[in-house]
Protein backbone atom coordinates (compact mmCIF):
# COMPACT_ATOMS: atom_id res chain seq x y z
CA MET A 1 0.00 0.00 0.00
CA LYS A 2 1.20 3.48 -0.76
CA LEU A 3 1.02 6.33 1.74
CA SER A 4 -1.15 8.28 -0.70
CA GLN A 5 -3.73 5.46 -0.61
CA ALA A 6 -3.65 5.37 3.18
CA THR A 7 -4.15 9.13 3.49
CA THR A 8 -7.00 9.08 0.96
CA MET A 9 -8.71 6.39 3.04
CA LEU A 10 -8.03 8.29 6.24
CA ASP A 11 -9.59 11.43 4.76
CA ALA A 12 -12.65 9.49 3.52
CA ALA A 13 -13.17 7.85 6.91
CA HIS A 14 -12.71 11.15 8.74
CA ASP A 15 -15.21 12.89 6.43
CA GLU A 16 -17.78 10.13 6.90
CA ALA A 17 -17.39 10.18 10.68
CA ARG A 18 -17.96 13.95 10.70
CA LYS A 19 -21.07 13.53 8.52
CA ARG A 20 -22.42 11.00 11.03
CA GLY A 21 -21.54 13.24 13.96
CA VAL A 22 -19.32 10.66 15.64
CA CYS A 23 -15.80 10.91 17.07
CA VAL A 24 -13.63 7.94 16.19
CA CYS A 25 -10.08 6.70 15.89
CA ILE A 26 -8.99 5.45 12.48
CA SER A 27 -6.01 3.15 12.09
CA ILE A 28 -4.59 1.95 8.78
CA LEU A 29 -2.00 -0.83 8.67
CA ASP A 30 -0.05 -2.27 5.76
CA ALA A 31 -0.07 -5.95 4.75
CA GLN A 32 2.53 -6.76 7.41
CA ALA A 33 0.37 -5.10 10.13
CA TRP A 34 2.68 -2.08 10.46
CA PRO A 35 1.12 1.40 10.90
CA MET A 36 0.61 3.55 7.80
CA ALA A 37 -1.77 6.25 9.06
CA PHE A 38 -3.75 7.08 12.18
CA ILE A 39 -5.97 9.82 13.59
CA ARG A 40 -7.91 10.33 16.78
CA MET A 41 -10.72 12.80 16.25
CA ASP A 42 -11.29 15.48 18.86
CA GLY A 43 -13.59 13.99 21.48
CA ALA A 44 -12.78 10.33 20.75
CA PRO A 45 -12.13 8.48 24.02
CA LEU A 46 -8.52 7.45 24.61
CA GLY A 47 -9.57 3.82 25.04
CA VAL A 48 -10.62 3.47 21.42
CA ILE A 49 -7.08 4.12 20.16
CA ASP A 50 -6.09 0.56 21.03
CA VAL A 51 -9.40 -0.85 19.82
CA ALA A 52 -9.02 0.76 16.35
CA ASN A 53 -5.48 -0.63 16.08
CA ARG A 54 -6.61 -4.12 17.15
CA LYS A 55 -9.48 -4.10 14.66
CA ALA A 56 -7.09 -3.29 11.81
CA ARG A 57 -4.57 -5.84 13.09
CA THR A 58 -7.22 -8.56 13.27
CA ALA A 59 -8.22 -7.85 9.67
CA VAL A 60 -4.62 -8.08 8.46
CA LEU A 61 -3.44 -11.09 10.44
CA PHE A 62 -6.48 -13.25 9.69
CA GLN A 63 -7.29 -11.72 6.29
CA MET A 64 -10.91 -11.28 7.29
CA ASP A 65 -13.01 -8.43 8.53
CA SER A 66 -13.17 -8.29 12.32
CA ALA A 67 -16.96 -8.74 12.16
CA ASP A 68 -16.35 -12.10 10.42
CA PHE A 69 -13.66 -12.96 12.97
CA ALA A 70 -16.32 -12.36 15.65
CA ARG A 71 -18.32 -15.30 14.30
CA ILE A 72 -15.53 -17.69 15.29
CA GLY A 73 -14.17 -15.81 18.31
CA HIS A 74 -17.30 -15.61 20.48
CA PRO A 75 -17.84 -17.93 23.50
CA ALA A 76 -19.72 -20.54 21.46
CA GLY A 77 -17.45 -20.12 18.42
CA GLU A 78 -14.87 -22.59 17.20
CA ALA A 79 -11.96 -20.30 18.11
CA TYR A 80 -13.06 -18.70 21.39
CA MET A 81 -10.21 -16.85 23.10
CA LEU A 82 -8.27 -16.49 19.82
CA GLU A 83 -8.45 -12.73 20.31
CA HIS A 84 -5.91 -13.09 23.12
CA THR A 85 -3.22 -14.21 20.66
CA ASN A 86 -0.92 -12.21 18.41
CA GLY A 87 -0.51 -9.34 20.84
CA GLY A 88 -4.26 -8.80 21.07
CA LEU A 89 -7.01 -8.90 18.50
CA THR A 90 -10.69 -7.99 18.60
CA SER A 91 -13.82 -9.96 17.90
CA PHE A 92 -16.30 -7.29 16.86
CA GLY A 93 -16.85 -5.21 13.77
CA GLY A 94 -14.97 -2.17 12.54
CA GLY A 95 -11.85 -3.80 11.10
CA VAL A 96 -11.88 -4.24 7.32
CA VAL A 97 -9.41 -6.02 5.06
CA LEU A 98 -7.89 -3.82 2.36
CA ARG A 99 -7.34 -5.54 -0.98
CA ALA A 100 -5.96 -4.46 -4.34
CA ALA A 101 -8.08 -4.74 -7.48
CA ASP A 102 -6.46 -8.14 -8.17
CA GLY A 103 -7.42 -9.38 -4.68
CA GLY A 104 -3.93 -9.07 -3.23
CA MET A 105 -3.62 -8.12 0.43
CA LEU A 106 -2.80 -4.43 1.03
CA GLY A 107 -3.55 -4.13 4.74
CA GLY A 108 -6.38 -3.31 7.07
CA ILE A 109 -8.34 -0.39 8.46
CA GLY A 110 -9.81 -0.22 11.94
CA VAL A 111 -12.40 2.30 13.08
CA SER A 112 -13.56 2.58 16.68
CA GLY A 113 -15.51 5.02 18.82
CA ALA A 114 -19.03 4.96 17.37
CA SER A 115 -21.58 2.15 17.24
CA THR A 116 -20.26 -1.09 15.79
CA GLN A 117 -22.36 -0.58 12.66
CA ASP A 118 -21.11 2.99 12.20
CA ASP A 119 -17.52 1.78 12.67
CA ILE A 120 -18.05 -0.91 10.01
CA ASP A 121 -19.73 1.51 7.59
CA ILE A 122 -17.02 4.15 7.99
CA ALA A 123 -14.27 1.57 7.44
CA ARG A 124 -15.99 0.18 4.34
CA ILE A 125 -16.49 3.64 2.86
CA ALA A 126 -12.79 4.34 3.34
CA ALA A 127 -11.81 0.96 1.85
CA ALA A 128 -13.94 1.68 -1.21
CA THR A 129 -11.56 4.50 -2.16
CA LEU A 130 -9.00 1.85 -3.14
CA VAL A 131 -11.07 0.91 -6.19
CA ALA A 132 -12.56 4.33 -6.89
């Protein structure tokens, strides 16, 4: 992933969060789960910094959206407690896998601070800029 792609996604996510009237943290990681871009909006709780990073990290390391990871990581799921591996993951929505047009892995974006559905929507809107 190029920095220009990460900043375009960051801007799109930030714009969408403002439109929705929510204060979030947005974390974008490359395909190796290293940071590319991050913001914490004014008013976003400090606790969601780590959550946004873990959502993006979950998406990258398991190559699935964190909402999908939640289906296997819940108490009755086949991989309960998996979120405690790899330095900490998360098993709820807001982390989205970032893929190139050819399907190759580019990284992940994590959004946290609003409702889970808003976090997911904001992350997906940002991810859509990769193919726009």
